Amino acid sequence: MAHDRGSIKWTSLMIPEHVELLKRTWEELERKQKPMIDEQRQEEINVKLQMALKDALTVEIQYFENHDYHKVKGKIGNIDLQNKHIKIVDHCLPLENIIDVYVD
């Protein structure tokens, strides 16, 4: 029984430049788009962040960076409104990258 290895089979026949181009094309196709956050949702996020900072609550923040979604969990160290950043654990995130906040 023949076992088809998909694109691996064909990349062995390609020159390195074509393999790199194919790899970059797949990466671009898998890139995610940053979701749009409306004003009401943004206000909800801000209220949760302020409450968590004031009461020293643990939060899980979902954020968008480098064409992908990420999560970080911990206590908020600081919210810098002037520079629009938030410090949590060892991350310094732009407020505009935050998609959602979950309070424990």
N, C-alpha and C. Protein backbone atom coordinates (compact mmCIF):
# COMPACT_ATOMS: atom_id res chain seq x y z
N MET A 1 0.84 -1.17 0.00
CA MET A 1 0.00 0.00 0.00
C MET A 1 0.90 1.25 0.00
N ALA A 2 0.69 2.14 -0.93
CA ALA A 2 1.48 3.37 -1.03
C ALA A 2 1.00 4.37 0.01
N HIS A 3 1.96 5.04 0.62
CA HIS A 3 1.64 6.05 1.63
C HIS A 3 2.04 7.43 1.09
N ASP A 4 1.04 8.29 0.84
CA ASP A 4 1.28 9.62 0.31
C ASP A 4 1.67 10.55 1.44
N ARG A 5 2.80 11.19 1.32
CA ARG A 5 3.28 12.09 2.37
C ARG A 5 2.88 13.54 2.11
N GLY A 6 1.96 13.78 1.23
CA GLY A 6 1.46 15.13 0.98
C GLY A 6 2.53 16.05 0.43
N SER A 7 2.57 17.26 0.96
CA SER A 7 3.51 18.26 0.44
C SER A 7 4.95 17.92 0.73
N ILE A 8 5.21 17.08 1.74
CA ILE A 8 6.60 16.69 2.05
C ILE A 8 7.20 15.97 0.85
N LYS A 9 6.41 15.12 0.20
CA LYS A 9 6.89 14.36 -0.95
C LYS A 9 7.35 15.31 -2.06
N TRP A 10 6.60 16.37 -2.28
CA TRP A 10 6.90 17.28 -3.38
C TRP A 10 8.00 18.27 -3.04
N THR A 11 8.14 18.64 -1.78
CA THR A 11 9.17 19.62 -1.44
C THR A 11 10.57 19.06 -1.65
N SER A 12 10.74 17.74 -1.59
CA SER A 12 12.07 17.17 -1.82
C SER A 12 12.49 17.36 -3.28
N LEU A 13 11.55 17.59 -4.17
CA LEU A 13 11.85 17.79 -5.58
C LEU A 13 12.01 19.27 -5.94
N MET A 14 11.77 20.15 -4.98
CA MET A 14 11.80 21.59 -5.25
C MET A 14 13.16 22.18 -4.85
N ILE A 15 13.50 23.28 -5.52
CA ILE A 15 14.71 23.98 -5.12
C ILE A 15 14.43 24.75 -3.83
N PRO A 16 15.44 25.04 -3.02
CA PRO A 16 15.23 25.69 -1.73
C PRO A 16 14.44 27.00 -1.80
N GLU A 17 14.60 27.77 -2.86
CA GLU A 17 13.88 29.03 -2.98
C GLU A 17 12.37 28.78 -3.09
N HIS A 18 11.99 27.74 -3.80
CA HIS A 18 10.58 27.41 -3.93
C HIS A 18 10.00 26.89 -2.61
N VAL A 19 10.81 26.11 -1.90
CA VAL A 19 10.37 25.60 -0.59
C VAL A 19 10.12 26.77 0.35
N GLU A 20 11.02 27.75 0.36
CA GLU A 20 10.86 28.93 1.23
C GLU A 20 9.64 29.75 0.83
N LEU A 21 9.42 29.92 -0.46
CA LEU A 21 8.25 30.65 -0.95
C LEU A 21 6.96 29.94 -0.55
N LEU A 22 6.93 28.62 -0.68
CA LEU A 22 5.77 27.83 -0.28
C LEU A 22 5.52 27.96 1.23
N LYS A 23 6.57 27.92 2.01
CA LYS A 23 6.46 28.07 3.46
C LYS A 23 5.88 29.43 3.83
N ARG A 24 6.39 30.51 3.22
CA ARG A 24 5.87 31.86 3.51
C ARG A 24 4.42 32.00 3.08
N THR A 25 4.05 31.38 1.97
CA THR A 25 2.67 31.44 1.49
C THR A 25 1.74 30.78 2.49
N TRP A 26 2.11 29.61 3.02
CA TRP A 26 1.29 28.93 4.01
C TRP A 26 1.17 29.76 5.29
N GLU A 27 2.27 30.39 5.71
CA GLU A 27 2.23 31.24 6.91
C GLU A 27 1.28 32.41 6.71
N GLU A 28 1.30 33.03 5.55
CA GLU A 28 0.40 34.15 5.29
C GLU A 28 -1.06 33.71 5.27
N LEU A 29 -1.33 32.53 4.75
CA LEU A 29 -2.70 32.02 4.71
C LEU A 29 -3.22 31.72 6.11
N GLU A 30 -2.33 31.34 7.03
CA GLU A 30 -2.73 30.99 8.38
C GLU A 30 -2.80 32.20 9.32
N ARG A 31 -2.39 33.37 8.84
CA ARG A 31 -2.44 34.57 9.68
C ARG A 31 -3.86 34.91 10.06
N LYS A 32 -4.03 35.31 11.30
CA LYS A 32 -5.35 35.68 11.80
C LYS A 32 -5.47 37.20 11.75
N GLN A 33 -6.70 37.67 11.68
CA GLN A 33 -6.98 39.10 11.67
C GLN A 33 -7.39 39.54 13.06
N LYS A 34 -6.97 40.73 13.45
CA LYS A 34 -7.36 41.28 14.74
C LYS A 34 -8.85 41.63 14.70
N PRO A 35 -9.60 41.14 15.68
CA PRO A 35 -11.03 41.45 15.69
C PRO A 35 -11.28 42.91 16.06
N MET A 36 -12.37 43.45 15.57
CA MET A 36 -12.76 44.81 15.90
C MET A 36 -13.49 44.80 17.23
N ILE A 37 -13.14 45.70 18.12
CA ILE A 37 -13.78 45.82 19.44
C ILE A 37 -14.57 47.13 19.44
N ASP A 38 -15.88 47.03 19.65
CA ASP A 38 -16.70 48.24 19.66
C ASP A 38 -16.54 48.99 20.99
N GLU A 39 -17.06 50.20 21.05
CA GLU A 39 -16.88 51.05 22.24
C GLU A 39 -17.45 50.42 23.50
N GLN A 40 -18.62 49.81 23.39
CA GLN A 40 -19.25 49.20 24.56
C GLN A 40 -18.39 48.05 25.10
N ARG A 41 -17.89 47.21 24.21
CA ARG A 41 -17.04 46.08 24.63
C ARG A 41 -15.74 46.62 25.23
N GLN A 42 -15.19 47.67 24.65
CA GLN A 42 -13.95 48.27 25.17
C GLN A 42 -14.17 48.80 26.57
N GLU A 43 -15.32 49.41 26.82
CA GLU A 43 -15.64 49.93 28.15
C GLU A 43 -15.76 48.79 29.16
N GLU A 44 -16.36 47.67 28.76
CA GLU A 44 -16.45 46.50 29.64
C GLU A 44 -15.06 45.98 30.02
N ILE A 45 -14.18 45.93 29.04
CA ILE A 45 -12.81 45.49 29.28
C ILE A 45 -12.12 46.44 30.25
N ASN A 46 -12.28 47.74 30.04
CA ASN A 46 -11.66 48.74 30.92
C ASN A 46 -12.16 48.62 32.35
N VAL A 47 -13.47 48.40 32.53
CA VAL A 47 -14.04 48.26 33.88
C VAL A 47 -13.46 47.03 34.56
N LYS A 48 -13.36 45.92 33.85
CA LYS A 48 -12.80 44.70 34.42
C LYS A 48 -11.34 44.90 34.82
N LEU A 49 -10.58 45.58 33.97
CA LEU A 49 -9.17 45.84 34.28
C LEU A 49 -9.03 46.72 35.53
N GLN A 50 -9.82 47.78 35.60
CA GLN A 50 -9.76 48.68 36.76
C GLN A 50 -10.16 47.95 38.05
N MET A 51 -11.22 47.14 37.98
CA MET A 51 -11.68 46.38 39.14
C MET A 51 -10.60 45.39 39.60
N ALA A 52 -10.01 44.69 38.64
CA ALA A 52 -8.97 43.71 38.97
C ALA A 52 -7.75 44.38 39.58
N LEU A 53 -7.39 45.56 39.09
CA LEU A 53 -6.25 46.29 39.65
C LEU A 53 -6.57 46.76 41.06
N LYS A 54 -7.73 47.34 41.25
CA LYS A 54 -8.14 47.88 42.55
C LYS A 54 -8.23 46.79 43.62
N ASP A 55 -8.80 45.63 43.26
CA ASP A 55 -9.02 44.56 44.23
C ASP A 55 -7.95 43.47 44.19
N ALA A 56 -6.88 43.67 43.43
CA ALA A 56 -5.78 42.72 43.30
C ALA A 56 -6.28 41.32 42.90
N LEU A 57 -7.16 41.30 41.90
CA LEU A 57 -7.72 40.03 41.42
C LEU A 57 -6.86 39.44 40.32
N THR A 58 -6.90 38.13 40.20
CA THR A 58 -6.21 37.45 39.11
C THR A 58 -7.08 37.53 37.86
N VAL A 59 -6.45 37.86 36.75
CA VAL A 59 -7.17 37.95 35.49
C VAL A 59 -6.47 37.11 34.43
N GLU A 60 -7.25 36.74 33.43
CA GLU A 60 -6.68 36.14 32.23
C GLU A 60 -7.00 37.09 31.10
N ILE A 61 -5.97 37.56 30.45
CA ILE A 61 -6.13 38.53 29.36
C ILE A 61 -5.85 37.83 28.04
N GLN A 62 -6.82 37.95 27.14
CA GLN A 62 -6.62 37.46 25.78
C GLN A 62 -6.23 38.66 24.94
N TYR A 63 -5.13 38.52 24.20
CA TYR A 63 -4.66 39.64 23.38
C TYR A 63 -4.20 39.15 22.02
N PHE A 64 -4.08 40.10 21.11
CA PHE A 64 -3.70 39.81 19.73
C PHE A 64 -2.33 40.42 19.47
N GLU A 65 -1.42 39.57 18.97
CA GLU A 65 -0.06 40.06 18.69
C GLU A 65 0.58 39.16 17.64
N ASN A 66 1.30 39.73 16.73
CA ASN A 66 1.99 38.98 15.68
C ASN A 66 1.06 38.03 14.92
N HIS A 67 -0.09 38.53 14.56
CA HIS A 67 -1.07 37.80 13.75
C HIS A 67 -1.61 36.54 14.42
N ASP A 68 -1.65 36.54 15.76
CA ASP A 68 -2.19 35.39 16.47
C ASP A 68 -2.75 35.82 17.82
N TYR A 69 -3.56 34.94 18.41
CA TYR A 69 -4.16 35.18 19.71
C TYR A 69 -3.29 34.58 20.79
N HIS A 70 -3.18 35.28 21.92
CA HIS A 70 -2.37 34.82 23.05
C HIS A 70 -3.15 35.06 24.33
N LYS A 71 -2.73 34.38 25.41
CA LYS A 71 -3.33 34.59 26.71
C LYS A 71 -2.22 34.71 27.74
N VAL A 72 -2.49 35.55 28.74
CA VAL A 72 -1.59 35.67 29.87
C VAL A 72 -2.46 35.76 31.12
N LYS A 73 -2.02 35.09 32.18
CA LYS A 73 -2.81 35.06 33.41
C LYS A 73 -1.94 35.53 34.57
N GLY A 74 -2.55 36.36 35.43
CA GLY A 74 -1.83 36.85 36.59
C GLY A 74 -2.51 38.08 37.17
N LYS A 75 -1.81 38.74 38.07
CA LYS A 75 -2.32 39.97 38.67
C LYS A 75 -1.74 41.15 37.90
N ILE A 76 -2.57 42.17 37.77
CA ILE A 76 -2.16 43.37 37.05
C ILE A 76 -1.21 44.17 37.94
N GLY A 77 -0.05 44.49 37.41
CA GLY A 77 0.92 45.27 38.16
C GLY A 77 0.68 46.77 38.02
N ASN A 78 0.29 47.18 36.81
CA ASN A 78 0.14 48.60 36.54
C ASN A 78 -0.64 48.80 35.25
N ILE A 79 -1.44 49.85 35.22
CA ILE A 79 -2.10 50.28 33.99
C ILE A 79 -1.61 51.70 33.71
N ASP A 80 -0.86 51.86 32.63
CA ASP A 80 -0.30 53.15 32.25
C ASP A 80 -1.20 53.75 31.17
N LEU A 81 -2.12 54.62 31.58
CA LEU A 81 -3.06 55.21 30.63
C LEU A 81 -2.38 56.21 29.70
N GLN A 82 -1.33 56.86 30.17
CA GLN A 82 -0.64 57.84 29.34
C GLN A 82 0.02 57.16 28.14
N ASN A 83 0.70 56.04 28.38
CA ASN A 83 1.36 55.31 27.30
C ASN A 83 0.52 54.16 26.75
N LYS A 84 -0.66 53.98 27.34
CA LYS A 84 -1.62 52.96 26.90
C LYS A 84 -1.05 51.56 26.92
N HIS A 85 -0.47 51.19 28.07
CA HIS A 85 0.08 49.85 28.28
C HIS A 85 -0.40 49.30 29.62
N ILE A 86 -0.39 47.99 29.71
CA ILE A 86 -0.74 47.32 30.96
C ILE A 86 0.39 46.35 31.29
N LYS A 87 0.76 46.29 32.55
CA LYS A 87 1.81 45.38 33.01
C LYS A 87 1.14 44.24 33.76
N ILE A 88 1.35 43.03 33.29
CA ILE A 88 0.84 41.83 33.96
C ILE A 88 1.92 40.75 33.87
N VAL A 89 2.20 40.15 35.00
CA VAL A 89 3.28 39.17 35.13
C VAL A 89 4.55 39.80 34.56
N ASP A 90 5.15 39.22 33.54
CA ASP A 90 6.35 39.81 32.93
C ASP A 90 6.05 40.34 31.52
N HIS A 91 4.78 40.62 31.26
CA HIS A 91 4.35 41.16 29.97
C HIS A 91 3.95 42.63 30.11
N CYS A 92 4.29 43.39 29.10
CA CYS A 92 3.83 44.77 28.99
C CYS A 92 3.06 44.84 27.68
N LEU A 93 1.73 44.90 27.79
CA LEU A 93 0.87 44.82 26.62
C LEU A 93 0.27 46.17 26.27
N PRO A 94 0.20 46.50 24.98
CA PRO A 94 -0.56 47.68 24.58
C PRO A 94 -2.04 47.43 24.86
N LEU A 95 -2.71 48.41 25.44
CA LEU A 95 -4.14 48.27 25.74
C LEU A 95 -4.95 47.96 24.48
N GLU A 96 -4.52 48.49 23.35
CA GLU A 96 -5.27 48.29 22.11
C GLU A 96 -5.21 46.85 21.62
N ASN A 97 -4.28 46.04 22.13
CA ASN A 97 -4.16 44.64 21.71
C ASN A 97 -5.07 43.71 22.51
N ILE A 98 -5.64 44.21 23.61
CA ILE A 98 -6.46 43.36 24.47
C ILE A 98 -7.80 43.10 23.81
N ILE A 99 -8.17 41.83 23.74
CA ILE A 99 -9.41 41.40 23.11
C ILE A 99 -10.46 41.10 24.16
N ASP A 100 -10.03 40.47 25.27
CA ASP A 100 -10.97 40.11 26.31
C ASP A 100 -10.25 39.95 27.64
N VAL A 101 -11.03 40.07 28.72
CA VAL A 101 -10.50 39.94 30.08
C VAL A 101 -11.44 39.03 30.86
N TYR A 102 -10.88 38.05 31.51
CA TYR A 102 -11.64 37.14 32.37
C TYR A 102 -11.13 37.31 33.80
N VAL A 103 -12.03 37.61 34.72
CA VAL A 103 -11.65 37.83 36.12
C VAL A 103 -11.96 36.57 36.90
N ASP A 104 -10.96 36.09 37.67
CA ASP A 104 -11.17 34.90 38.53
C ASP A 104 -11.88 35.27 39.81
